[in-house]
PDB file of N, CA and C in Angstrom:
ATOM      1  N   MET A   1      -2.110  -5.429   4.937  1.00  0.00           N
ATOM      2  CA  MET A   1      -1.163  -4.362   4.706  1.00  0.00           C
ATOM      3  C   MET A   1      -1.379  -3.744   3.321  1.00  0.00           C
ATOM      4  N   LYS A   2      -1.607  -4.597   2.338  1.00  0.00           N
ATOM      5  CA  LYS A   2      -1.845  -4.103   0.981  1.00  0.00           C
ATOM      6  C   LYS A   2      -3.125  -3.266   0.930  1.00  0.00           C
ATOM      7  N   LYS A   3      -4.147  -3.727   1.633  1.00  0.00           N
ATOM      8  CA  LYS A   3      -5.427  -3.000   1.644  1.00  0.00           C
ATOM      9  C   LYS A   3      -5.257  -1.616   2.272  1.00  0.00           C
ATOM     10  N   LYS A   4      -4.514  -1.538   3.356  1.00  0.00           N
ATOM     11  CA  LYS A   4      -4.262  -0.241   4.005  1.00  0.00           C
ATOM     12  C   LYS A   4      -3.469   0.681   3.085  1.00  0.00           C
ATOM     13  N   ARG A   5      -2.512   0.103   2.360  1.00  0.00           N
ATOM     14  CA  ARG A   5      -1.711   0.900   1.434  1.00  0.00           C
ATOM     15  C   ARG A   5      -2.588   1.439   0.312  1.00  0.00           C
ATOM     16  N   HIS A   6      -3.487   0.612  -0.199  1.00  0.00           N
ATOM     17  CA  HIS A   6      -4.399   1.057  -1.258  1.00  0.00           C
ATOM     18  C   HIS A   6      -5.299   2.183  -0.753  1.00  0.00           C
ATOM     19  N   GLN A   7      -5.777   2.069   0.476  1.00  0.00           N
ATOM     20  CA  GLN A   7      -6.605   3.133   1.050  1.00  0.00           C
ATOM     21  C   GLN A   7      -5.800   4.429   1.186  1.00  0.00           C
ATOM     22  N   ALA A   8      -4.554   4.298   1.619  1.00  0.00           N
ATOM     23  CA  ALA A   8      -3.696   5.480   1.762  1.00  0.00           C
ATOM     24  C   ALA A   8      -3.425   6.110   0.402  1.00  0.00           C
ATOM     25  N   ILE A   9      -3.190   5.284  -0.602  1.00  0.00           N
ATOM     26  CA  ILE A   9      -2.957   5.803  -1.951  1.00  0.00           C
ATOM     27  C   ILE A   9      -4.187   6.554  -2.440  1.00  0.00           C
ATOM     28  N   LEU A  10      -5.364   5.979  -2.243  1.00  0.00           N
ATOM     29  CA  LEU A  10      -6.601   6.651  -2.663  1.00  0.00           C
ATOM     30  C   LEU A  10      -6.760   7.996  -1.979  1.00  0.00           C
ATOM     31  N   GLN A  11      -6.494   8.052  -0.690  1.00  0.00           N
ATOM     32  CA  GLN A  11      -6.607   9.320   0.040  1.00  0.00           C
ATOM     33  C   GLN A  11      -5.634  10.360  -0.512  1.00  0.00           C
ATOM     34  N   LEU A  12      -4.409   9.950  -0.750  1.00  0.00           N
ATOM     35  CA  LEU A  12      -3.406  10.877  -1.270  1.00  0.00           C
ATOM     36  C   LEU A  12      -3.764  11.365  -2.667  1.00  0.00           C
ATOM     37  N   VAL A  13      -4.252  10.472  -3.500  1.00  0.00           N
ATOM     38  CA  VAL A  13      -4.630  10.858  -4.862  1.00  0.00           C
ATOM     39  C   VAL A  13      -5.833  11.793  -4.835  1.00  0.00           C
ATOM     40  N   GLU A  14      -6.794  11.531  -3.955  1.00  0.00           N
ATOM     41  CA  GLU A  14      -7.959  12.416  -3.852  1.00  0.00           C
ATOM     42  C   GLU A  14      -7.556  13.796  -3.340  1.00  0.00           C
ATOM     43  N   GLN A  15      -6.615  13.852  -2.416  1.00  0.00           N
ATOM     44  CA  GLN A  15      -6.168  15.134  -1.860  1.00  0.00           C
ATOM     45  C   GLN A  15      -5.374  15.946  -2.871  1.00  0.00           C
ATOM     46  N   HIS A  16      -4.524  15.280  -3.636  1.00  0.00           N
ATOM     47  CA  HIS A  16      -3.590  15.977  -4.508  1.00  0.00           C
ATOM     48  C   HIS A  16      -3.963  15.906  -5.985  1.00  0.00           C
ATOM     49  N   GLU A  17      -4.995  15.186  -6.329  1.00  0.00           N
ATOM     50  CA  GLU A  17      -5.478  14.974  -7.697  1.00  0.00           C
ATOM     51  C   GLU A  17      -4.515  14.169  -8.559  1.00  0.00           C
ATOM     52  N   VAL A  18      -3.248  14.564  -8.608  1.00  0.00           N
ATOM     53  CA  VAL A  18      -2.226  13.824  -9.347  1.00  0.00           C
ATOM     54  C   VAL A  18      -1.023  13.652  -8.428  1.00  0.00           C
ATOM     55  N   VAL A  19      -0.511  12.411  -8.348  1.00  0.00           N
ATOM     56  CA  VAL A  19       0.609  12.125  -7.459  1.00  0.00           C
ATOM     57  C   VAL A  19       1.652  11.317  -8.224  1.00  0.00           C
ATOM     58  N   GLN A  20       2.913  11.677  -8.060  1.00  0.00           N
ATOM     59  CA  GLN A  20       4.024  10.956  -8.672  1.00  0.00           C
ATOM     60  C   GLN A  20       4.236   9.618  -7.960  1.00  0.00           C
ATOM     61  N   VAL A  21       4.629   8.609  -8.721  1.00  0.00           N
ATOM     62  CA  VAL A  21       4.915   7.293  -8.155  1.00  0.00           C
ATOM     63  C   VAL A  21       6.026   7.409  -7.110  1.00  0.00           C
ATOM     64  N   SER A  22       7.047   8.188  -7.403  1.00  0.00           N
ATOM     65  CA  SER A  22       8.165   8.351  -6.464  1.00  0.00           C
ATOM     66  C   SER A  22       7.713   8.986  -5.149  1.00  0.00           C
ATOM     67  N   GLU A  23       6.778   9.940  -5.235  1.00  0.00           N
ATOM     68  CA  GLU A  23       6.245  10.569  -4.015  1.00  0.00           C
ATOM     69  C   GLU A  23       5.478   9.549  -3.178  1.00  0.00           C
ATOM     70  N   LEU A  24       4.654   8.749  -3.830  1.00  0.00           N
ATOM     71  CA  LEU A  24       3.896   7.722  -3.106  1.00  0.00           C
ATOM     72  C   LEU A  24       4.838   6.748  -2.403  1.00  0.00           C
ATOM     73  N   ALA A  25       5.890   6.330  -3.096  1.00  0.00           N
ATOM     74  CA  ALA A  25       6.851   5.393  -2.509  1.00  0.00           C
ATOM     75  C   ALA A  25       7.513   5.997  -1.271  1.00  0.00           C
ATOM     76  N   GLN A  26       7.868   7.273  -1.340  1.00  0.00           N
ATOM     77  CA  GLN A  26       8.486   7.938  -0.186  1.00  0.00           C
ATOM     78  C   GLN A  26       7.499   8.068   0.965  1.00  0.00           C
ATOM     79  N   TRP A  27       6.293   8.559   0.665  1.00  0.00           N
ATOM     80  CA  TRP A  27       5.298   8.783   1.714  1.00  0.00           C
ATOM     81  C   TRP A  27       4.919   7.484   2.409  1.00  0.00           C
ATOM     82  N   LEU A  28       4.808   6.407   1.659  1.00  0.00           N
ATOM     83  CA  LEU A  28       4.352   5.130   2.224  1.00  0.00           C
ATOM     84  C   LEU A  28       5.510   4.222   2.621  1.00  0.00           C
ATOM     85  N   GLU A  29       6.741   4.686   2.376  1.00  0.00           N
ATOM     86  CA  GLU A  29       7.952   3.960   2.758  1.00  0.00           C
ATOM     87  C   GLU A  29       7.981   2.543   2.192  1.00  0.00           C
ATOM     88  N   VAL A  30       7.735   2.450   0.880  1.00  0.00           N
ATOM     89  CA  VAL A  30       7.819   1.184   0.159  1.00  0.00           C
ATOM     90  C   VAL A  30       8.608   1.424  -1.131  1.00  0.00           C
ATOM     91  N   SER A  31       8.942   0.348  -1.820  1.00  0.00           N
ATOM     92  CA  SER A  31       9.725   0.474  -3.050  1.00  0.00           C
ATOM     93  C   SER A  31       8.864   0.987  -4.201  1.00  0.00           C
ATOM     94  N   LEU A  32       9.542   1.484  -5.229  1.00  0.00           N
ATOM     95  CA  LEU A  32       8.844   1.922  -6.439  1.00  0.00           C
ATOM     96  C   LEU A  32       8.084   0.754  -7.080  1.00  0.00           C
ATOM     97  N   GLU A  33       8.680  -0.422  -7.047  1.00  0.00           N
ATOM     98  CA  GLU A  33       8.039  -1.595  -7.629  1.00  0.00           C
ATOM     99  C   GLU A  33       6.726  -1.926  -6.918  1.00  0.00           C
ATOM    100  N   THR A  34       6.732  -1.796  -5.595  1.00  0.00           N
ATOM    101  CA  THR A  34       5.512  -2.057  -4.819  1.00  0.00           C
ATOM    102  C   THR A  34       4.418  -1.071  -5.204  1.00  0.00           C
ATOM    103  N   ILE A  35       4.765   0.199  -5.299  1.00  0.00           N
ATOM    104  CA  ILE A  35       3.782   1.220  -5.675  1.00  0.00           C
ATOM    105  C   ILE A  35       3.271   0.955  -7.088  1.00  0.00           C
ATOM    106  N   ARG A  36       4.154   0.611  -7.992  1.00  0.00           N
ATOM    107  CA  ARG A  36       3.729   0.334  -9.373  1.00  0.00           C
ATOM    108  C   ARG A  36       2.756  -0.841  -9.428  1.00  0.00           C
ATOM    109  N   ARG A  37       3.040  -1.889  -8.669  1.00  0.00           N
ATOM    110  CA  ARG A  37       2.114  -3.036  -8.615  1.00  0.00           C
ATOM    111  C   ARG A  37       0.770  -2.615  -8.027  1.00  0.00           C
ATOM    112  N   ASP A  38       0.828  -1.843  -6.940  1.00  0.00           N
ATOM    113  CA  ASP A  38      -0.413  -1.368  -6.314  1.00  0.00           C
ATOM    114  C   ASP A  38      -1.229  -0.526  -7.294  1.00  0.00           C
ATOM    115  N   LEU A  39      -0.567   0.383  -7.988  1.00  0.00           N
ATOM    116  CA  LEU A  39      -1.274   1.249  -8.929  1.00  0.00           C
ATOM    117  C   LEU A  39      -1.865   0.459 -10.091  1.00  0.00           C
ATOM    118  N   SER A  40      -1.150  -0.553 -10.548  1.00  0.00           N
ATOM    119  CA  SER A  40      -1.687  -1.407 -11.616  1.00  0.00           C
ATOM    120  C   SER A  40      -2.932  -2.143 -11.141  1.00  0.00           C
ATOM    121  N   ASP A  41      -2.861  -2.704  -9.936  1.00  0.00           N
ATOM    122  CA  ASP A  41      -4.024  -3.391  -9.359  1.00  0.00           C
ATOM    123  C   ASP A  41      -5.199  -2.439  -9.204  1.00  0.00           C
ATOM    124  N   MET A  42      -4.922  -1.243  -8.708  1.00  0.00           N
ATOM    125  CA  MET A  42      -5.985  -0.265  -8.461  1.00  0.00           C
ATOM    126  C   MET A  42      -6.586   0.234  -9.769  1.00  0.00           C
ATOM    127  N   GLN A  43      -5.764   0.371 -10.796  1.00  0.00           N
ATOM    128  CA  GLN A  43      -6.295   0.780 -12.098  1.00  0.00           C
ATOM    129  C   GLN A  43      -7.185  -0.328 -12.674  1.00  0.00           C
ATOM    130  N   ASP A  44      -6.763  -1.587 -12.517  1.00  0.00           N
ATOM    131  CA  ASP A  44      -7.570  -2.719 -12.975  1.00  0.00           C
ATOM    132  C   ASP A  44      -8.924  -2.771 -12.269  1.00  0.00           C
ATOM    133  N   GLN A  45      -8.959  -2.304 -11.025  1.00  0.00           N
ATOM    134  CA  GLN A  45     -10.199  -2.268 -10.247  1.00  0.00           C
ATOM    135  C   GLN A  45     -11.037  -1.029 -10.545  1.00  0.00           C
ATOM    136  N   GLY A  46     -10.503  -0.122 -11.362  1.00  0.00           N
ATOM    137  CA  GLY A  46     -11.224   1.095 -11.716  1.00  0.00           C
ATOM    138  C   GLY A  46     -11.194   2.169 -10.645  1.00  0.00           C
ATOM    139  N   LEU A  47     -10.186   2.134  -9.786  1.00  0.00           N
ATOM    140  CA  LEU A  47     -10.101   3.104  -8.690  1.00  0.00           C
ATOM    141  C   LEU A  47      -9.299   4.349  -9.043  1.00  0.00           C
ATOM    142  N   ILE A  48      -8.299   4.197  -9.876  1.00  0.00           N
ATOM    143  CA  ILE A  48      -7.430   5.311 -10.262  1.00  0.00           C
ATOM    144  C   ILE A  48      -7.106   5.206 -11.736  1.00  0.00           C
ATOM    145  N   LEU A  49      -6.480   6.242 -12.245  1.00  0.00           N
ATOM    146  CA  LEU A  49      -5.952   6.244 -13.606  1.00  0.00           C
ATOM    147  C   LEU A  49      -4.445   6.418 -13.497  1.00  0.00           C
ATOM    148  N   ARG A  50      -3.711   5.534 -14.111  1.00  0.00           N
ATOM    149  CA  ARG A  50      -2.248   5.569 -14.029  1.00  0.00           C
ATOM    150  C   ARG A  50      -1.691   6.021 -15.364  1.00  0.00           C
ATOM    151  N   ARG A  51      -0.837   7.040 -15.339  1.00  0.00           N
ATOM    152  CA  ARG A  51      -0.237   7.577 -16.558  1.00  0.00           C
ATOM    153  C   ARG A  51       1.186   8.033 -16.304  1.00  0.00           C
ATOM    154  N   HIS A  52       2.132   7.544 -17.079  1.00  0.00           N
ATOM    155  CA  HIS A  52       3.515   8.020 -17.128  1.00  0.00           C
ATOM    156  C   HIS A  52       4.104   8.381 -15.760  1.00  0.00           C
ATOM    157  N   GLY A  53       4.122   7.429 -14.839  1.00  0.00           N
ATOM    158  CA  GLY A  53       4.736   7.653 -13.540  1.00  0.00           C
ATOM    159  C   GLY A  53       3.897   8.443 -12.565  1.00  0.00           C
ATOM    160  N   ARG A  54       2.609   8.574 -12.877  1.00  0.00           N
ATOM    161  CA  ARG A  54       1.695   9.326 -12.007  1.00  0.00           C
ATOM    162  C   ARG A  54       0.401   8.541 -11.805  1.00  0.00           C
ATOM    163  N   ALA A  55      -0.291   8.896 -10.739  1.00  0.00           N
ATOM    164  CA  ALA A  55      -1.625   8.354 -10.483  1.00  0.00           C
ATOM    165  C   ALA A  55      -2.588   9.517 -10.388  1.00  0.00           C
ATOM    166  N   ARG A  56      -3.753   9.334 -10.968  1.00  0.00           N
ATOM    167  CA  ARG A  56      -4.778  10.379 -10.985  1.00  0.00           C
ATOM    168  C   ARG A  56      -6.080   9.788 -10.483  1.00  0.00           C
ATOM    169  N   CYS A  57      -6.841  10.593  -9.793  1.00  0.00           N
ATOM    170  CA  CYS A  57      -8.142  10.182  -9.298  1.00  0.00           C
ATOM    171  C   CYS A  57      -9.122  10.083 -10.465  1.00  0.00           C
ATOM    172  N   LEU A  58      -9.914   9.025 -10.496  1.00  0.00           N
ATOM    173  CA  LEU A  58     -10.913   8.868 -11.549  1.00  0.00           C
ATOM    174  C   LEU A  58     -12.155   9.699 -11.286  1.00  0.00           C
ATOM    175  N   ILE A  59     -12.517   9.830 -10.032  1.00  0.00           N
ATOM    176  CA  ILE A  59     -13.733  10.552  -9.669  1.00  0.00           C
ATOM    177  C   ILE A  59     -13.403  12.031  -9.560  1.00  0.00           C
ATOM    178  N   GLN A  60     -14.035  12.836 -10.385  1.00  0.00           N
ATOM    179  CA  GLN A  60     -13.808  14.270 -10.358  1.00  0.00           C
ATOM    180  C   GLN A  60     -14.595  14.895  -9.211  1.00  0.00           C
ATOM    181  N   GLN A  61     -13.942  15.777  -8.500  1.00  0.00           N
ATOM    182  CA  GLN A  61     -14.609  16.514  -7.429  1.00  0.00           C
ATOM    183  C   GLN A  61     -15.561  17.524  -8.051  1.00  0.00           C
ATOM    184  N   PRO A  62     -16.698  17.772  -7.419  1.00  0.00           N
ATOM    185  CA  PRO A  62     -17.634  18.746  -7.977  1.00  0.00           C
ATOM    186  C   PRO A  62     -17.007  20.124  -8.070  1.00  0.00           C
ATOM    187  N   ALA A  63     -17.249  20.762  -9.175  1.00  0.00           N
ATOM    188  CA  ALA A  63     -16.708  22.107  -9.382  1.00  0.00           C
ATOM    189  C   ALA A  63     -17.411  23.102  -8.475  1.00  0.00           C
ATOM    190  N   THR A  64     -16.671  24.109  -8.086  1.00  0.00           N
ATOM    191  CA  THR A  64     -17.268  25.163  -7.267  1.00  0.00           C
ATOM    192  C   THR A  64     -17.184  26.460  -8.050  1.00  0.00           C
ATOM    193  N   GLY A  65     -17.906  27.425  -7.610  1.00  0.00           N
ATOM    194  CA  GLY A  65     -17.858  28.727  -8.259  1.00  0.00           C
ATOM    195  C   GLY A  65     -19.045  28.946  -9.175  1.00  0.00           C
ATOM    196  N   TRP A  66     -18.912  29.944 -10.021  1.00  0.00           N
ATOM    197  CA  TRP A  66     -20.045  30.386 -10.824  1.00  0.00           C
ATOM    198  C   TRP A  66     -20.451  29.345 -11.854  1.00  0.00           C
ATOM    199  N   MET A  67     -19.525  28.589 -12.391  1.00  0.00           N
ATOM    200  CA  MET A  67     -19.874  27.602 -13.407  1.00  0.00           C
ATOM    201  C   MET A  67     -20.776  26.516 -12.811  1.00  0.00           C
ATOM    202  N   ASN A  68     -20.452  26.066 -11.609  1.00  0.00           N
ATOM    203  CA  ASN A  68     -21.269  25.063 -10.940  1.00  0.00           C
ATOM    204  C   ASN A  68     -22.652  25.650 -10.619  1.00  0.00           C
ATOM    205  N   SER A  69     -22.693  26.921 -10.252  1.00  0.00           N
ATOM    206  CA  SER A  69     -23.975  27.577  -9.977  1.00  0.00           C
ATOM    207  C   SER A  69     -24.855  27.587 -11.202  1.00  0.00           C
ATOM    208  N   LEU A  70     -24.260  27.830 -12.364  1.00  0.00           N
ATOM    209  CA  LEU A  70     -25.033  27.831 -13.614  1.00  0.00           C
ATOM    210  C   LEU A  70     -25.611  26.459 -13.908  1.00  0.00           C
ATOM    211  N   GLN A  71     -24.842  25.427 -13.613  1.00  0.00           N
ATOM    212  CA  GLN A  71     -25.309  24.070 -13.863  1.00  0.00           C
ATOM    213  C   GLN A  71     -26.475  23.707 -12.962  1.00  0.00           C
ATOM    214  N   ARG A  72     -26.526  24.269 -11.756  1.00  0.00           N
ATOM    215  CA  ARG A  72     -27.598  23.958 -10.822  1.00  0.00           C
ATOM    216  C   ARG A  72     -28.786  24.899 -10.957  1.00  0.00           C
ATOM    217  N   ALA A  73     -28.645  25.958 -11.728  1.00  0.00           N
ATOM    218  CA  ALA A  73     -29.723  26.938 -11.866  1.00  0.00           C
ATOM    219  C   ALA A  73     -30.923  26.317 -12.576  1.00  0.00           C
ATOM    220  N   PRO A  74     -32.140  26.639 -12.129  1.00  0.00           N
ATOM    221  CA  PRO A  74     -33.328  26.095 -12.795  1.00  0.00           C
ATOM    222  C   PRO A  74     -33.446  26.624 -14.217  1.00  0.00           C
ATOM    223  N   GLN A  75     -33.889  25.760 -15.092  1.00  0.00           N
ATOM    224  CA  GLN A  75     -34.063  26.147 -16.501  1.00  0.00           C
ATOM    225  C   GLN A  75     -35.342  26.953 -16.660  1.00  0.00           C
ATOM    226  N   LEU A  76     -35.312  27.980 -17.479  1.00  0.00           N
ATOM    227  CA  LEU A  76     -36.478  28.827 -17.731  1.00  0.00           C
ATOM    228  C   LEU A  76     -37.280  28.312 -18.871  1.00  0.00           C
TER     229      LEU A  76
END
Protein backbone atom coordinates (compact mmCIF):
# COMPACT_ATOMS: atom_id res chain seq x y z
CA MET A 1 0.00 0.00 0.00
CA LYS A 2 2.83 2.38 0.86
CA LYS A 3 4.58 1.59 -2.43
CA LYS A 4 1.41 2.35 -4.42
CA ARG A 5 0.97 5.60 -2.52
CA HIS A 6 4.56 6.61 -3.29
CA GLN A 7 3.99 5.87 -6.98
CA ALA A 8 0.80 7.95 -6.93
CA ILE A 9 2.62 10.81 -5.21
CA LEU A 10 5.38 10.72 -7.83
CA GLN A 11 2.83 10.82 -10.65
CA LEU A 12 1.00 13.76 -9.10
CA VAL A 13 4.20 15.68 -8.46
CA GLU A 14 5.41 15.07 -12.02
CA GLN A 15 2.06 16.23 -13.44
CA HIS A 16 1.74 19.34 -11.29
CA GLU A 17 5.44 20.12 -10.59
CA VAL A 18 4.58 21.40 -7.09
CA VAL A 19 1.86 19.89 -4.90
CA GLN A 20 0.61 20.93 -1.46
CA VAL A 21 0.73 18.33 1.32
CA SER A 22 -2.96 18.99 2.05
CA GLU A 23 -3.87 18.34 -1.61
CA LEU A 24 -1.98 15.04 -1.61
CA ALA A 25 -3.75 13.96 1.59
CA GLN A 26 -7.16 14.73 0.06
CA TRP A 27 -6.42 13.09 -3.30
CA LEU A 28 -5.02 9.93 -1.71
CA GLU A 29 -7.54 9.90 1.17
CA VAL A 30 -4.94 9.61 3.93
CA SER A 31 -3.96 11.79 6.88
CA LEU A 32 -1.56 14.71 6.70
CA GLU A 33 0.81 12.79 8.96
CA THR A 34 0.88 9.86 6.53
CA ILE A 35 1.68 12.15 3.60
CA ARG A 36 4.39 13.91 5.60
CA ARG A 37 6.01 10.57 6.48
CA ASP A 38 5.79 9.45 2.85
CA LEU A 39 7.33 12.69 1.61
CA SER A 40 10.15 12.46 4.15
CA ASP A 41 10.89 8.89 3.06
CA MET A 42 10.76 9.86 -0.61
CA GLN A 43 13.04 12.85 -0.07
CA ASP A 44 15.53 10.58 1.76
CA GLN A 45 15.46 8.31 -1.30
CA GLY A 46 16.14 11.28 -3.59
CA LEU A 47 12.80 11.06 -5.38
CA ILE A 48 11.31 14.45 -4.49
CA LEU A 49 12.18 17.73 -2.84
CA ARG A 50 10.07 18.69 0.15
CA ARG A 51 9.73 22.35 1.13
CA HIS A 52 7.35 24.20 3.47
CA GLY A 53 4.26 22.01 3.09
CA ARG A 54 4.89 21.23 -0.57
CA ALA A 55 6.50 18.53 -2.67
CA ARG A 56 8.44 19.27 -5.83
CA CYS A 57 9.75 16.99 -8.53
CA LEU A 58 13.54 16.67 -8.56
CA ILE A 59 13.79 15.74 -12.22
CA GLN A 60 13.20 18.74 -14.44
CA GLN A 61 11.19 18.15 -17.58
CA PRO A 62 13.00 19.11 -20.78
CA ALA A 63 12.29 22.65 -21.84
CA THR A 64 10.40 23.23 -25.04
CA GLY A 65 10.42 26.16 -27.37
CA TRP A 66 13.13 28.29 -28.85
CA MET A 67 15.51 28.08 -25.90
CA ASN A 68 15.62 24.28 -26.10
CA SER A 69 16.15 24.56 -29.87
CA LEU A 70 19.19 26.76 -29.29
CA GLN A 71 20.64 24.22 -26.90
CA ARG A 72 20.29 21.46 -29.49
CA ALA A 73 21.58 23.54 -32.41
CA PRO A 74 24.96 22.43 -33.81
CA GLN A 75 27.87 24.63 -32.85
CA LEU A 76 29.58 26.53 -35.68
